[in-house]
PDB file of N, CA and C in Angstrom:
ATOM      1  N   UNK A   1    -155.433  14.745   1.959  1.00  0.00           N
ATOM      2  CA  UNK A   1    -154.169  14.153   2.334  1.00  0.00           C
ATOM      3  C   UNK A   1    -153.816  14.615   3.746  1.00  0.00           C
ATOM      4  N   UNK A   2    -153.355  13.714   4.563  1.00  0.00           N
ATOM      5  CA  UNK A   2    -152.922  14.032   5.922  1.00  0.00           C
ATOM      6  C   UNK A   2    -151.615  14.821   5.872  1.00  0.00           C
ATOM      7  N   UNK A   3    -151.288  15.518   6.949  1.00  0.00           N
ATOM      8  CA  UNK A   3    -150.017  16.236   6.969  1.00  0.00           C
ATOM      9  C   UNK A   3    -149.035  15.631   7.968  1.00  0.00           C
ATOM     10  N   UNK A   4    -149.438  14.555   8.645  1.00  0.00           N
ATOM     11  CA  UNK A   4    -148.566  13.872   9.600  1.00  0.00           C
ATOM     12  C   UNK A   4    -148.999  12.413   9.682  1.00  0.00           C
ATOM     13  N   UNK A   5    -147.998  11.522   9.783  1.00  0.00           N
ATOM     14  CA  UNK A   5    -148.267  10.099   9.850  1.00  0.00           C
ATOM     15  C   UNK A   5    -147.167   9.437  10.651  1.00  0.00           C
ATOM     16  N   UNK A   6    -147.520   8.534  11.552  1.00  0.00           N
ATOM     17  CA  UNK A   6    -146.531   7.760  12.298  1.00  0.00           C
ATOM     18  C   UNK A   6    -146.547   6.338  11.774  1.00  0.00           C
ATOM     19  N   UNK A   7    -145.356   5.827  11.481  1.00  0.00           N
ATOM     20  CA  UNK A   7    -145.184   4.490  10.931  1.00  0.00           C
ATOM     21  C   UNK A   7    -144.312   3.691  11.888  1.00  0.00           C
ATOM     22  N   UNK A   8    -144.702   2.454  12.165  1.00  0.00           N
ATOM     23  CA  UNK A   8    -143.884   1.590  13.002  1.00  0.00           C
ATOM     24  C   UNK A   8    -143.160   0.595  12.114  1.00  0.00           C
ATOM     25  N   UNK A   9    -141.838   0.503  12.303  1.00  0.00           N
ATOM     26  CA  UNK A   9    -141.004  -0.410  11.529  1.00  0.00           C
ATOM     27  C   UNK A   9    -140.025  -1.081  12.478  1.00  0.00           C
ATOM     28  N   UNK A  10    -140.078  -2.375  12.552  1.00  0.00           N
ATOM     29  CA  UNK A  10    -139.228  -3.170  13.436  1.00  0.00           C
ATOM     30  C   UNK A  10    -139.283  -2.655  14.877  1.00  0.00           C
ATOM     31  N   UNK A  11    -140.492  -2.336  15.322  1.00  0.00           N
ATOM     32  CA  UNK A  11    -140.706  -1.906  16.695  1.00  0.00           C
ATOM     33  C   UNK A  11    -140.329  -0.465  16.987  1.00  0.00           C
ATOM     34  N   UNK A  12    -139.920   0.293  15.978  1.00  0.00           N
ATOM     35  CA  UNK A  12    -139.522   1.691  16.169  1.00  0.00           C
ATOM     36  C   UNK A  12    -140.501   2.588  15.431  1.00  0.00           C
ATOM     37  N   UNK A  13    -140.780   3.744  16.015  1.00  0.00           N
ATOM     38  CA  UNK A  13    -141.706   4.682  15.394  1.00  0.00           C
ATOM     39  C   UNK A  13    -140.959   5.737  14.593  1.00  0.00           C
ATOM     40  N   UNK A  14    -141.477   6.000  13.408  1.00  0.00           N
ATOM     41  CA  UNK A  14    -140.950   7.017  12.513  1.00  0.00           C
ATOM     42  C   UNK A  14    -142.094   7.951  12.166  1.00  0.00           C
ATOM     43  N   UNK A  15    -141.828   9.231  12.157  1.00  0.00           N
ATOM     44  CA  UNK A  15    -142.843  10.224  11.819  1.00  0.00           C
ATOM     45  C   UNK A  15    -142.590  10.769  10.428  1.00  0.00           C
ATOM     46  N   UNK A  16    -143.631  10.854   9.640  1.00  0.00           N
ATOM     47  CA  UNK A  16    -143.589  11.508   8.334  1.00  0.00           C
ATOM     48  C   UNK A  16    -144.429  12.770   8.459  1.00  0.00           C
ATOM     49  N   UNK A  17    -143.805  13.913   8.212  1.00  0.00           N
ATOM     50  CA  UNK A  17    -144.473  15.197   8.360  1.00  0.00           C
ATOM     51  C   UNK A  17    -144.357  15.961   7.048  1.00  0.00           C
ATOM     52  N   UNK A  18    -145.478  16.463   6.556  1.00  0.00           N
ATOM     53  CA  UNK A  18    -145.424  17.241   5.323  1.00  0.00           C
ATOM     54  C   UNK A  18    -144.918  18.644   5.651  1.00  0.00           C
ATOM     55  N   UNK A  19    -143.924  19.077   4.885  1.00  0.00           N
ATOM     56  CA  UNK A  19    -143.326  20.398   5.072  1.00  0.00           C
ATOM     57  C   UNK A  19    -143.096  21.021   3.709  1.00  0.00           C
ATOM     58  N   UNK A  20    -142.818  22.313   3.728  1.00  0.00           N
ATOM     59  CA  UNK A  20    -142.368  22.935   2.484  1.00  0.00           C
ATOM     60  C   UNK A  20    -140.948  22.447   2.249  1.00  0.00           C
ATOM     61  N   UNK A  21    -140.551  22.366   1.001  1.00  0.00           N
ATOM     62  CA  UNK A  21    -139.196  21.924   0.690  1.00  0.00           C
ATOM     63  C   UNK A  21    -138.158  22.820   1.330  1.00  0.00           C
ATOM     64  N   UNK A  22    -138.442  24.108   1.430  1.00  0.00           N
ATOM     65  CA  UNK A  22    -137.499  25.038   2.053  1.00  0.00           C
ATOM     66  C   UNK A  22    -137.335  24.720   3.531  1.00  0.00           C
ATOM     67  N   UNK A  23    -138.427  24.386   4.218  1.00  0.00           N
ATOM     68  CA  UNK A  23    -138.361  24.005   5.635  1.00  0.00           C
ATOM     69  C   UNK A  23    -137.478  22.780   5.836  1.00  0.00           C
ATOM     70  N   UNK A  24    -137.606  21.822   4.929  1.00  0.00           N
ATOM     71  CA  UNK A  24    -136.862  20.565   5.042  1.00  0.00           C
ATOM     72  C   UNK A  24    -135.470  20.671   4.440  1.00  0.00           C
ATOM     73  N   UNK A  25    -135.158  21.802   3.812  1.00  0.00           N
ATOM     74  CA  UNK A  25    -133.835  21.989   3.230  1.00  0.00           C
ATOM     75  C   UNK A  25    -133.633  21.249   1.919  1.00  0.00           C
ATOM     76  N   UNK A  26    -134.739  20.986   1.216  1.00  0.00           N
ATOM     77  CA  UNK A  26    -134.613  20.221  -0.022  1.00  0.00           C
ATOM     78  C   UNK A  26    -135.075  20.985  -1.257  1.00  0.00           C
ATOM     79  N   UNK A  27    -135.314  22.263  -1.137  1.00  0.00           N
ATOM     80  CA  UNK A  27    -135.712  23.045  -2.305  1.00  0.00           C
ATOM     81  C   UNK A  27    -137.201  23.330  -2.342  1.00  0.00           C
ATOM     82  N   UNK A  28    -137.690  23.771  -3.498  1.00  0.00           N
ATOM     83  CA  UNK A  28    -139.098  24.167  -3.613  1.00  0.00           C
ATOM     84  C   UNK A  28    -140.054  22.979  -3.602  1.00  0.00           C
ATOM     85  N   UNK A  29    -141.303  23.271  -3.366  1.00  0.00           N
ATOM     86  CA  UNK A  29    -142.333  22.231  -3.381  1.00  0.00           C
ATOM     87  C   UNK A  29    -142.508  21.587  -2.014  1.00  0.00           C
ATOM     88  N   UNK A  30    -143.612  20.878  -1.868  1.00  0.00           N
ATOM     89  CA  UNK A  30    -143.899  20.174  -0.608  1.00  0.00           C
ATOM     90  C   UNK A  30    -143.165  18.842  -0.577  1.00  0.00           C
ATOM     91  N   UNK A  31    -142.732  18.451   0.622  1.00  0.00           N
ATOM     92  CA  UNK A  31    -142.054  17.169   0.815  1.00  0.00           C
ATOM     93  C   UNK A  31    -142.591  16.489   2.062  1.00  0.00           C
ATOM     94  N   UNK A  32    -142.368  15.188   2.127  1.00  0.00           N
ATOM     95  CA  UNK A  32    -142.574  14.433   3.350  1.00  0.00           C
ATOM     96  C   UNK A  32    -141.211  14.247   3.979  1.00  0.00           C
ATOM     97  N   UNK A  33    -141.021  14.756   5.198  1.00  0.00           N
ATOM     98  CA  UNK A  33    -139.773  14.566   5.920  1.00  0.00           C
ATOM     99  C   UNK A  33    -139.996  13.443   6.927  1.00  0.00           C
ATOM    100  N   UNK A  34    -139.128  12.440   6.892  1.00  0.00           N
ATOM    101  CA  UNK A  34    -139.226  11.300   7.787  1.00  0.00           C
ATOM    102  C   UNK A  34    -138.206  11.495   8.904  1.00  0.00           C
ATOM    103  N   UNK A  35    -138.675  11.376  10.154  1.00  0.00           N
ATOM    104  CA  UNK A  35    -137.795  11.564  11.305  1.00  0.00           C
ATOM    105  C   UNK A  35    -137.926  10.405  12.282  1.00  0.00           C
ATOM    106  N   UNK A  36    -136.907  10.244  13.094  1.00  0.00           N
ATOM    107  CA  UNK A  36    -136.924   9.282  14.208  1.00  0.00           C
ATOM    108  C   UNK A  36    -136.434  10.048  15.412  1.00  0.00           C
ATOM    109  N   UNK A  37    -137.244  10.135  16.444  1.00  0.00           N
ATOM    110  CA  UNK A  37    -136.911  10.913  17.649  1.00  0.00           C
ATOM    111  C   UNK A  37    -136.503  12.342  17.303  1.00  0.00           C
ATOM    112  N   UNK A  38    -137.156  12.908  16.298  1.00  0.00           N
ATOM    113  CA  UNK A  38    -136.905  14.287  15.913  1.00  0.00           C
ATOM    114  C   UNK A  38    -135.747  14.486  14.955  1.00  0.00           C
ATOM    115  N   UNK A  39    -134.944  13.458  14.702  1.00  0.00           N
ATOM    116  CA  UNK A  39    -133.809  13.576  13.786  1.00  0.00           C
ATOM    117  C   UNK A  39    -134.250  13.232  12.367  1.00  0.00           C
ATOM    118  N   UNK A  40    -133.997  14.131  11.406  1.00  0.00           N
ATOM    119  CA  UNK A  40    -134.376  13.844  10.017  1.00  0.00           C
ATOM    120  C   UNK A  40    -133.615  12.634   9.477  1.00  0.00           C
ATOM    121  N   UNK A  41    -134.333  11.783   8.759  1.00  0.00           N
ATOM    122  CA  UNK A  41    -133.726  10.593   8.167  1.00  0.00           C
ATOM    123  C   UNK A  41    -133.705  10.713   6.659  1.00  0.00           C
ATOM    124  N   UNK A  42    -134.835  11.077   6.078  1.00  0.00           N
ATOM    125  CA  UNK A  42    -134.932  11.243   4.630  1.00  0.00           C
ATOM    126  C   UNK A  42    -136.144  12.105   4.324  1.00  0.00           C
ATOM    127  N   UNK A  43    -136.277  12.475   3.079  1.00  0.00           N
ATOM    128  CA  UNK A  43    -137.477  13.182   2.638  1.00  0.00           C
ATOM    129  C   UNK A  43    -137.751  12.785   1.191  1.00  0.00           C
ATOM    130  N   UNK A  44    -138.998  12.945   0.790  1.00  0.00           N
ATOM    131  CA  UNK A  44    -139.388  12.665  -0.589  1.00  0.00           C
ATOM    132  C   UNK A  44    -140.522  13.596  -0.970  1.00  0.00           C
ATOM    133  N   UNK A  45    -140.656  13.876  -2.274  1.00  0.00           N
ATOM    134  CA  UNK A  45    -141.685  14.824  -2.718  1.00  0.00           C
ATOM    135  C   UNK A  45    -143.093  14.394  -2.300  1.00  0.00           C
ATOM    136  N   UNK A  46    -143.878  15.352  -1.884  1.00  0.00           N
ATOM    137  CA  UNK A  46    -145.278  15.098  -1.542  1.00  0.00           C
ATOM    138  C   UNK A  46    -146.093  15.149  -2.823  1.00  0.00           C
ATOM    139  N   UNK A  47    -146.895  14.141  -3.023  1.00  0.00           N
ATOM    140  CA  UNK A  47    -147.765  14.056  -4.193  1.00  0.00           C
ATOM    141  C   UNK A  47    -149.188  14.257  -3.697  1.00  0.00           C
ATOM    142  N   UNK A  48    -149.883  15.234  -4.230  1.00  0.00           N
ATOM    143  CA  UNK A  48    -151.238  15.534  -3.793  1.00  0.00           C
ATOM    144  C   UNK A  48    -152.187  14.356  -3.895  1.00  0.00           C
ATOM    145  N   UNK A  49    -151.832  13.356  -4.700  1.00  0.00           N
ATOM    146  CA  UNK A  49    -152.691  12.181  -4.874  1.00  0.00           C
ATOM    147  C   UNK A  49    -152.419  11.098  -3.821  1.00  0.00           C
ATOM    148  N   UNK A  50    -151.328  11.240  -3.068  1.00  0.00           N
ATOM    149  CA  UNK A  50    -150.989  10.226  -2.062  1.00  0.00           C
ATOM    150  C   UNK A  50    -151.971  10.250  -0.897  1.00  0.00           C
ATOM    151  N   UNK A  51    -152.456   9.072  -0.532  1.00  0.00           N
ATOM    152  CA  UNK A  51    -153.261   8.968   0.679  1.00  0.00           C
ATOM    153  C   UNK A  51    -152.365   8.392   1.781  1.00  0.00           C
ATOM    154  N   UNK A  52    -152.915   8.222   2.963  1.00  0.00           N
ATOM    155  CA  UNK A  52    -152.128   7.749   4.114  1.00  0.00           C
ATOM    156  C   UNK A  52    -151.444   6.417   3.812  1.00  0.00           C
ATOM    157  N   UNK A  53    -152.132   5.519   3.146  1.00  0.00           N
ATOM    158  CA  UNK A  53    -151.555   4.201   2.855  1.00  0.00           C
ATOM    159  C   UNK A  53    -150.377   4.320   1.886  1.00  0.00           C
ATOM    160  N   UNK A  54    -150.484   5.176   0.890  1.00  0.00           N
ATOM    161  CA  UNK A  54    -149.398   5.361  -0.074  1.00  0.00           C
ATOM    162  C   UNK A  54    -148.165   5.953   0.599  1.00  0.00           C
ATOM    163  N   UNK A  55    -148.382   6.902   1.496  1.00  0.00           N
ATOM    164  CA  UNK A  55    -147.267   7.518   2.218  1.00  0.00           C
ATOM    165  C   UNK A  55    -146.595   6.471   3.108  1.00  0.00           C
ATOM    166  N   UNK A  56    -147.409   5.707   3.820  1.00  0.00           N
ATOM    167  CA  UNK A  56    -146.880   4.651   4.689  1.00  0.00           C
ATOM    168  C   UNK A  56    -146.041   3.664   3.881  1.00  0.00           C
ATOM    169  N   UNK A  57    -146.541   3.254   2.720  1.00  0.00           N
ATOM    170  CA  UNK A  57    -145.807   2.310   1.870  1.00  0.00           C
ATOM    171  C   UNK A  57    -144.476   2.894   1.418  1.00  0.00           C
ATOM    172  N   UNK A  58    -144.437   4.179   1.071  1.00  0.00           N
ATOM    173  CA  UNK A  58    -143.187   4.816   0.648  1.00  0.00           C
ATOM    174  C   UNK A  58    -142.170   4.832   1.783  1.00  0.00           C
ATOM    175  N   UNK A  59    -142.627   5.180   2.989  1.00  0.00           N
ATOM    176  CA  UNK A  59    -141.726   5.232   4.141  1.00  0.00           C
ATOM    177  C   UNK A  59    -141.196   3.832   4.450  1.00  0.00           C
ATOM    178  N   UNK A  60    -142.083   2.849   4.503  1.00  0.00           N
ATOM    179  CA  UNK A  60    -141.653   1.481   4.805  1.00  0.00           C
ATOM    180  C   UNK A  60    -140.699   0.945   3.739  1.00  0.00           C
ATOM    181  N   UNK A  61    -140.954   1.252   2.478  1.00  0.00           N
ATOM    182  CA  UNK A  61    -140.071   0.806   1.400  1.00  0.00           C
ATOM    183  C   UNK A  61    -138.684   1.415   1.552  1.00  0.00           C
ATOM    184  N   UNK A  62    -138.624   2.692   1.899  1.00  0.00           N
ATOM    185  CA  UNK A  62    -137.327   3.340   2.082  1.00  0.00           C
ATOM    186  C   UNK A  62    -136.589   2.719   3.259  1.00  0.00           C
ATOM    187  N   UNK A  63    -137.276   2.518   4.366  1.00  0.00           N
ATOM    188  CA  UNK A  63    -136.638   1.925   5.541  1.00  0.00           C
ATOM    189  C   UNK A  63    -136.112   0.519   5.232  1.00  0.00           C
ATOM    190  N   UNK A  64    -136.903  -0.293   4.550  1.00  0.00           N
ATOM    191  CA  UNK A  64    -136.481  -1.650   4.200  1.00  0.00           C
ATOM    192  C   UNK A  64    -135.274  -1.620   3.262  1.00  0.00           C
ATOM    193  N   UNK A  65    -135.272  -0.706   2.310  1.00  0.00           N
ATOM    194  CA  UNK A  65    -134.182  -0.624   1.333  1.00  0.00           C
ATOM    195  C   UNK A  65    -132.885  -0.101   1.951  1.00  0.00           C
ATOM    196  N   UNK A  66    -132.987   0.558   3.104  1.00  0.00           N
ATOM    197  CA  UNK A  66    -131.810   1.176   3.712  1.00  0.00           C
ATOM    198  C   UNK A  66    -131.425   0.547   5.049  1.00  0.00           C
ATOM    199  N   UNK A  67    -131.902  -0.657   5.315  1.00  0.00           N
ATOM    200  CA  UNK A  67    -131.605  -1.335   6.579  1.00  0.00           C
ATOM    201  C   UNK A  67    -130.108  -1.509   6.822  1.00  0.00           C
ATOM    202  N   UNK A  68    -129.353  -1.777   5.771  1.00  0.00           N
ATOM    203  CA  UNK A  68    -127.929  -2.065   5.924  1.00  0.00           C
ATOM    204  C   UNK A  68    -127.057  -0.855   6.131  1.00  0.00           C
ATOM    205  N   UNK A  69    -127.625   0.335   6.004  1.00  0.00           N
ATOM    206  CA  UNK A  69    -126.819   1.545   6.185  1.00  0.00           C
ATOM    207  C   UNK A  69    -126.488   1.739   7.660  1.00  0.00           C
ATOM    208  N   UNK A  70    -125.335   2.326   7.948  1.00  0.00           N
ATOM    209  CA  UNK A  70    -124.992   2.590   9.351  1.00  0.00           C
ATOM    210  C   UNK A  70    -126.060   3.451  10.021  1.00  0.00           C
ATOM    211  N   UNK A  71    -126.298   3.199  11.301  1.00  0.00           N
ATOM    212  CA  UNK A  71    -127.337   3.945  12.026  1.00  0.00           C
ATOM    213  C   UNK A  71    -127.128   5.446  11.929  1.00  0.00           C
ATOM    214  N   UNK A  72    -125.874   5.893  11.979  1.00  0.00           N
ATOM    215  CA  UNK A  72    -125.591   7.327  11.917  1.00  0.00           C
ATOM    216  C   UNK A  72    -125.964   7.905  10.559  1.00  0.00           C
ATOM    217  N   UNK A  73    -125.997   7.046   9.528  1.00  0.00           N
ATOM    218  CA  UNK A  73    -126.293   7.499   8.186  1.00  0.00           C
ATOM    219  C   UNK A  73    -127.793   7.691   7.958  1.00  0.00           C
ATOM    220  N   UNK A  74    -128.611   7.084   8.756  1.00  0.00           N
ATOM    221  CA  UNK A  74    -130.062   7.208   8.616  1.00  0.00           C
ATOM    222  C   UNK A  74    -130.695   7.753   9.886  1.00  0.00           C
ATOM    223  N   UNK A  75    -129.976   8.607  10.578  1.00  0.00           N
ATOM    224  CA  UNK A  75    -130.507   9.223  11.794  1.00  0.00           C
ATOM    225  C   UNK A  75    -130.497   8.256  12.953  1.00  0.00           C
ATOM    226  N   UNK A  76    -131.531   8.319  13.752  1.00  0.00           N
ATOM    227  CA  UNK A  76    -131.594   7.513  14.982  1.00  0.00           C
ATOM    228  C   UNK A  76    -132.405   6.263  14.771  1.00  0.00           C
ATOM    229  N   UNK A  77    -132.149   5.561  13.714  1.00  0.00           N
ATOM    230  CA  UNK A  77    -132.909   4.357  13.401  1.00  0.00           C
ATOM    231  C   UNK A  77    -132.553   3.246  14.358  1.00  0.00           C
TER     232      UNK A  77
END
C-alpha cells in the first residue's frame, strides 16, 4: 500500500497521506488524511487491503458527496 497519493478533482489537487491516527488527531490506528494546499479536509481509516485505486475512489467519493458544503467547511477546496 502506498503512503501518499495525489488526486485531482475538478481541476484541483488533493493529497491523501497515511498517518497515525494520533498525528491526524483522530485517535488510534492508521488513517488517510486528505489535504488541499496543506489544510486538512477529512480523514478516514486506513485499510491494509486498500490499493491506490481504492484510496483514490474513497477520496473522490467523499469530495463528490461534500461538494455543497461551504469552502471553509472542507478546507481550501
